[in-house]
Structures are given as structure tokens and as C-alpha cells.
Amino acid sequence: MNPKQRIQERREQQRKKKRVTYILVALGAALVLSAVFLLLSNANQVDLAEGEIIRVPVQQPPLADGSSMGDPDAPVTIINYSDFGCPHCANFALSTGKQLAEEFVAAGEVHFEFRSVGALLGVPATVQAAEAAYCAADQNAFFPYHDLIFANQAKLFVVRDADISPTLVTFAEILELDADAFSRCLDSGKYSKRVSLDEAAARQAGVTGTPTFIVNGQVLSGNQPIENFRQVIEAELAAAE
């Protein structure tokens, strides 16, 4: 091999090395970008393990029908505008709300209806939770499901716009719902319009904070003690006699 051929061979080898280097760099960059994308995706997703989830007793209120409970013909109707990310709403749902159900709903004196406030006072994650609760209502499990959301709100809504659907499906599994049917309902956005209608109704009712209660047309704002509900309910019952 003459000197000229050796020079050409060395140059060809150098070109091959450069091509391999470029390919390796490109592959490395692609792997880094994929890893970053995966991390960002996971960072914006809340997927609580079953061991992290706070369990609450499964309680089905009297005459539960969708997001309502009690006799629709009861003399007193309470509409509860609520947001799943609201701590005061959670306190009501897991305490005073139970007392109302036991004392007045079970007696046929109160018909109680839950409505979300959509994005009026909520955030994307709480809107998603409201849609999920309505999906659970398809399997007659609205109130047990809503109790699970409220019990776990501190971890569930850490990121306002997070995708919390993995945990919402886990909740359905914990309650032994048909998880496939639940997932299809949630993924399809079946109840997105209903949540929007909730928001419109809340605006029309002048809701500016949660929880807000409309008791036969009278407004009670905030997490009221049971005594305040008793006073209004008993007055309405007396007026209905």
C-alpha cells in the first residue's frame, strides 16, 4: 500500500469513527429526552399506592340515588355545593354530613343533594375528582367514593393540575366496583358536561365559597355546626305542617 492509499484509509477510518460518535451522541440525547419526558409526566401524575390511601368505613346513606340521598318528596331539601379539594367540605362530609343523614335523612325529613362547583372554585384535579365521583354513582357508590376522596384530599390535590386518574381508579378497586367500567366512564369524559352544569348552577346561586348549602331556598355558608342545621330544618318542618 502506497503512502497515498494509507492516508486515504486513515481518513476513511476517522470518518467512520465520527459517524459512530454522532450516532451514539444522538442516541444518548434521545434517551435523555425520553427520561426527562417520563419524569415530567410522572411528576404531573398522582398515583397513590394502596398502602398510602386512608381507608374510611364504607357507608351507604339512606335512599342513596346518584349524588342524592333521602326521600325526594321530603319537606326539606338541602343542596350542598362542594369542592373535593376544600378542607371545610371534607370536615362536613365526614362528620356533620353523617349526622344529618342519621338524624333527618333517615327519618324522611330531608332530601340531600351533592353538587360540585366545577372550576368555579376548584382546580383541574378537583374537577377530575368530581367526574370520577359521578362515575362511581353509576354503580351506586357515590357517597362511599366521595368519602374516600375527602379522606385523602391532602395527598390527592398537592398539584393543582395533576392527572389523578390512577388513584381514582384505585379508589374504585378498593370499593370493589367494576374498575373497567369505571375507567371507561372517566376516560370518556362522560360527566364533564354535568360538572360544567354544576358550575353554572353554583354561579347562578351566588356561591362564593365552599361548602355552601341551600336549605329550602335559604343560604347557609361554610361548615356549619349541626345545631345550625337543626334550627333551620326544624323551622322548615314546622312551617310545612
Protein backbone atom coordinates (compact mmCIF):
# COMPACT_ATOMS: atom_id res chain seq x y z
CA MET A 1 0.00 0.00 0.00
CA ASN A 2 1.50 3.31 -1.04
CA PRO A 3 1.54 6.40 1.19
CA LYS A 4 -1.41 7.97 -0.60
CA GLN A 5 -3.57 4.89 -0.02
CA ARG A 6 -2.59 4.77 3.66
CA ILE A 7 -3.64 8.42 4.07
CA GLN A 8 -6.98 7.73 2.40
CA GLU A 9 -7.55 4.68 4.60
CA ARG A 10 -6.80 6.67 7.77
CA ARG A 11 -9.20 9.40 6.65
CA GLU A 12 -11.92 6.80 5.96
CA GLN A 13 -11.41 5.28 9.40
CA GLN A 14 -11.66 8.72 11.00
CA ARG A 15 -14.89 9.41 9.10
CA LYS A 16 -16.34 6.09 10.32
CA LYS A 17 -15.39 6.92 13.91
CA LYS A 18 -17.05 10.34 13.60
CA ARG A 19 -20.24 8.75 12.22
CA VAL A 20 -20.33 6.25 15.11
CA THR A 21 -19.73 9.09 17.57
CA TYR A 22 -22.56 11.15 16.05
CA ILE A 23 -24.91 8.15 16.23
CA LEU A 24 -24.00 7.46 19.87
CA VAL A 25 -24.46 11.12 20.79
CA ALA A 26 -27.84 11.21 19.05
CA LEU A 27 -28.96 8.02 20.81
CA GLY A 28 -27.79 9.39 24.13
CA ALA A 29 -29.68 12.62 23.60
CA ALA A 30 -32.83 10.70 22.66
CA LEU A 31 -32.55 8.60 25.83
CA VAL A 32 -32.07 11.70 27.97
CA LEU A 33 -35.08 13.41 26.39
CA SER A 34 -37.20 10.30 26.90
CA ALA A 35 -36.15 10.12 30.54
CA VAL A 36 -36.92 13.80 31.07
CA PHE A 37 -40.33 13.41 29.40
CA LEU A 38 -41.10 10.39 31.58
CA LEU A 39 -40.07 12.24 34.72
CA LEU A 40 -42.19 15.25 33.81
CA SER A 41 -45.15 13.04 33.02
CA ASN A 42 -44.85 11.19 36.31
CA ALA A 43 -44.31 14.44 38.21
CA ASN A 44 -47.68 15.62 36.96
CA GLN A 45 -49.45 12.42 37.93
CA VAL A 46 -50.69 11.35 41.35
CA ASP A 47 -50.65 7.58 41.76
CA LEU A 48 -51.00 6.71 45.44
CA ALA A 49 -50.13 3.18 46.43
CA GLU A 50 -52.87 1.30 48.28
CA GLY A 51 -50.76 1.45 51.45
CA GLU A 52 -50.75 5.26 51.29
CA ILE A 53 -54.51 5.57 51.00
CA ILE A 54 -56.53 6.41 54.09
CA ARG A 55 -59.44 3.98 54.37
CA VAL A 56 -62.80 5.05 55.78
CA PRO A 57 -65.80 2.89 56.70
CA VAL A 58 -67.96 2.17 53.67
CA GLN A 59 -71.28 3.80 54.50
CA GLN A 60 -74.21 3.90 52.12
CA PRO A 61 -76.65 6.64 53.25
CA PRO A 62 -80.42 6.04 53.31
CA LEU A 63 -82.16 6.07 49.93
CA ALA A 64 -78.97 6.90 48.06
CA ASP A 65 -79.64 7.69 44.42
CA GLY A 66 -76.75 9.05 42.42
CA SER A 67 -75.36 12.04 44.29
CA SER A 68 -78.54 12.44 46.35
CA MET A 69 -79.88 10.71 49.44
CA GLY A 70 -83.23 10.61 51.14
CA ASP A 71 -86.85 10.87 50.04
CA PRO A 72 -87.18 13.21 47.02
CA ASP A 73 -90.58 14.25 48.43
CA ALA A 74 -89.19 15.18 51.85
CA PRO A 75 -90.38 18.56 53.17
CA VAL A 76 -86.81 19.90 53.36
CA THR A 77 -84.29 19.89 50.51
CA ILE A 78 -80.63 20.66 51.09
CA ILE A 79 -78.39 21.33 48.09
CA ASN A 80 -74.73 21.15 49.02
CA TYR A 81 -72.29 22.98 46.72
CA SER A 82 -68.89 21.49 47.43
CA ASP A 83 -65.36 21.08 46.13
CA PHE A 84 -63.30 17.94 46.72
CA GLY A 85 -60.17 19.96 47.45
CA CYS A 86 -61.83 22.04 50.19
CA PRO A 87 -60.83 21.02 53.76
CA HIS A 88 -64.03 22.50 55.23
CA CYS A 89 -66.06 20.42 52.76
CA ALA A 90 -64.19 17.32 53.89
CA ASN A 91 -64.87 18.11 57.54
CA PHE A 92 -68.57 18.50 56.80
CA ALA A 93 -68.82 15.37 54.66
CA LEU A 94 -67.07 13.13 57.19
CA SER A 95 -68.76 14.50 60.32
CA THR A 96 -71.79 16.83 60.22
CA GLY A 97 -72.98 15.32 56.95
CA LYS A 98 -73.15 11.89 58.61
CA GLN A 99 -75.17 13.33 61.49
CA LEU A 100 -77.64 14.95 59.09
CA ALA A 101 -78.09 11.64 57.29
CA GLU A 102 -78.71 9.72 60.50
CA GLU A 103 -80.98 12.31 62.13
CA PHE A 104 -83.01 13.85 59.31
CA VAL A 105 -82.45 11.98 56.03
CA ALA A 106 -83.18 8.56 57.53
CA ALA A 107 -86.36 9.98 59.09
CA GLY A 108 -87.65 11.06 55.67
CA GLU A 109 -87.49 14.74 56.63
CA VAL A 110 -84.57 15.84 54.43
CA HIS A 111 -83.59 15.18 50.84
CA PHE A 112 -79.88 15.96 50.42
CA GLU A 113 -78.18 16.61 47.09
CA PHE A 114 -74.45 17.00 46.45
CA ARG A 115 -73.25 19.24 43.63
CA SER A 116 -69.72 20.13 42.70
CA VAL A 117 -68.73 23.70 41.88
CA GLY A 118 -66.68 22.64 38.87
CA ALA A 119 -63.93 25.11 38.06
CA LEU A 120 -65.71 28.00 39.78
CA LEU A 121 -63.68 27.46 42.96
CA GLY A 122 -61.99 24.21 42.07
CA VAL A 123 -58.90 23.27 40.05
CA PRO A 124 -58.38 20.72 37.25
CA ALA A 125 -57.62 17.91 39.71
CA THR A 126 -60.76 18.52 41.77
CA VAL A 127 -62.86 18.75 38.61
CA GLN A 128 -61.49 15.35 37.61
CA ALA A 129 -62.40 14.03 41.08
CA ALA A 130 -65.97 15.30 40.69
CA GLU A 131 -66.32 13.49 37.36
CA ALA A 132 -64.96 10.33 39.00
CA ALA A 133 -67.47 10.54 41.84
CA TYR A 134 -70.31 10.77 39.31
CA CYS A 135 -68.84 7.72 37.55
CA ALA A 136 -68.94 5.89 40.89
CA ALA A 137 -72.60 6.91 41.16
CA ASP A 138 -73.26 4.78 38.07
CA GLN A 139 -72.52 1.83 40.35
CA ASN A 140 -74.49 3.26 43.28
CA ALA A 141 -71.33 4.15 45.18
CA PHE A 142 -71.26 7.94 45.04
CA PHE A 143 -71.12 8.59 48.78
CA PRO A 144 -68.62 5.85 49.73
CA TYR A 145 -66.45 7.11 46.86
CA HIS A 146 -66.82 10.77 47.86
CA ASP A 147 -65.79 9.81 51.41
CA LEU A 148 -62.58 8.23 50.07
CA ILE A 149 -61.72 11.35 48.07
CA PHE A 150 -62.29 13.65 51.04
CA ALA A 151 -60.31 11.41 53.40
CA ASN A 152 -57.29 11.54 51.05
CA GLN A 153 -57.50 15.10 49.75
CA ALA A 154 -54.24 16.21 51.45
CA LYS A 155 -52.19 13.92 49.18
CA LEU A 156 -54.51 13.84 46.22
CA PHE A 157 -54.53 17.55 45.40
CA VAL A 158 -50.94 18.56 46.12
CA VAL A 159 -50.54 19.56 42.45
CA ARG A 160 -53.47 21.63 41.16
CA ASP A 161 -53.39 20.38 37.57
CA ALA A 162 -52.11 16.84 38.18
CA ASP A 163 -53.65 13.83 36.49
CA ILE A 164 -55.06 11.92 39.46
CA SER A 165 -56.84 9.26 37.41
CA PRO A 166 -54.55 6.37 38.53
CA THR A 167 -55.53 6.96 42.16
CA LEU A 168 -59.18 7.50 41.25
CA VAL A 169 -59.21 4.04 39.65
CA THR A 170 -57.55 2.60 42.76
CA PHE A 171 -60.39 4.07 44.84
CA ALA A 172 -62.88 2.24 42.60
CA GLU A 173 -60.97 -1.01 43.12
CA ILE A 174 -60.92 -0.50 46.90
CA LEU A 175 -64.72 -0.18 46.84
CA GLU A 176 -64.88 -3.31 44.66
CA LEU A 177 -66.54 -1.50 41.77
CA ASP A 178 -66.26 -2.67 38.18
CA ALA A 179 -62.92 -0.94 37.59
CA ASP A 180 -63.06 -1.38 33.79
CA ALA A 181 -66.48 0.25 33.55
CA PHE A 182 -65.36 2.99 35.91
CA SER A 183 -62.22 3.68 33.84
CA ARG A 184 -64.21 3.84 30.62
CA CYS A 185 -66.59 6.32 32.21
CA LEU A 186 -63.76 8.52 33.49
CA ASP A 187 -61.66 8.36 30.30
CA SER A 188 -64.63 9.19 28.10
CA GLY A 189 -65.43 12.40 29.99
CA LYS A 190 -69.00 11.18 30.40
CA TYR A 191 -69.71 13.61 33.24
CA SER A 192 -67.69 16.63 32.14
CA LYS A 193 -70.88 18.38 30.98
CA ARG A 194 -72.59 17.61 34.28
CA VAL A 195 -69.72 19.19 36.21
CA SER A 196 -69.97 22.25 33.95
CA LEU A 197 -73.70 22.43 34.71
CA ASP A 198 -72.87 22.21 38.43
CA GLU A 199 -70.58 25.20 37.98
CA ALA A 200 -73.25 27.17 36.15
CA ALA A 201 -75.81 26.41 38.87
CA ALA A 202 -73.33 27.45 41.57
CA ARG A 203 -72.75 30.76 39.80
CA GLN A 204 -76.47 31.34 39.47
CA ALA A 205 -76.95 30.57 43.18
CA GLY A 206 -74.29 33.14 44.06
CA VAL A 207 -71.88 30.64 45.57
CA THR A 208 -68.63 32.35 46.57
CA GLY A 209 -67.18 29.76 48.92
CA THR A 210 -67.44 26.10 49.83
CA PRO A 211 -69.26 24.43 51.33
CA THR A 212 -72.46 26.35 50.64
CA PHE A 213 -75.88 24.93 51.46
CA ILE A 214 -79.25 25.93 50.06
CA VAL A 215 -81.90 24.78 52.54
CA ASN A 216 -85.36 25.24 51.00
CA GLY A 217 -84.02 28.38 49.35
CA GLN A 218 -82.16 29.69 52.41
CA VAL A 219 -78.38 30.00 52.16
CA LEU A 220 -76.05 28.62 54.81
CA SER A 221 -72.39 29.34 54.09
CA GLY A 222 -69.42 27.47 55.48
CA ASN A 223 -69.03 24.31 57.55
CA GLN A 224 -71.93 24.98 59.87
CA PRO A 225 -72.33 23.00 63.12
CA ILE A 226 -75.18 20.53 63.33
CA GLU A 227 -77.09 22.87 65.66
CA ASN A 228 -77.43 25.48 62.93
CA PHE A 229 -78.82 22.91 60.52
CA ARG A 230 -81.23 21.65 63.17
CA GLN A 231 -82.56 25.16 63.73
CA VAL A 232 -83.27 25.79 60.03
CA ILE A 233 -84.60 22.29 59.35
CA GLU A 234 -86.94 22.27 62.35
CA ALA A 235 -88.30 25.69 61.37
CA GLU A 236 -88.98 24.40 57.85
CA LEU A 237 -90.63 21.25 59.20
CA ALA A 238 -92.87 23.34 61.46
CA ALA A 239 -93.83 25.57 58.53
CA ALA A 240 -94.72 22.52 56.44
CA GLU A 241 -97.21 21.15 58.97
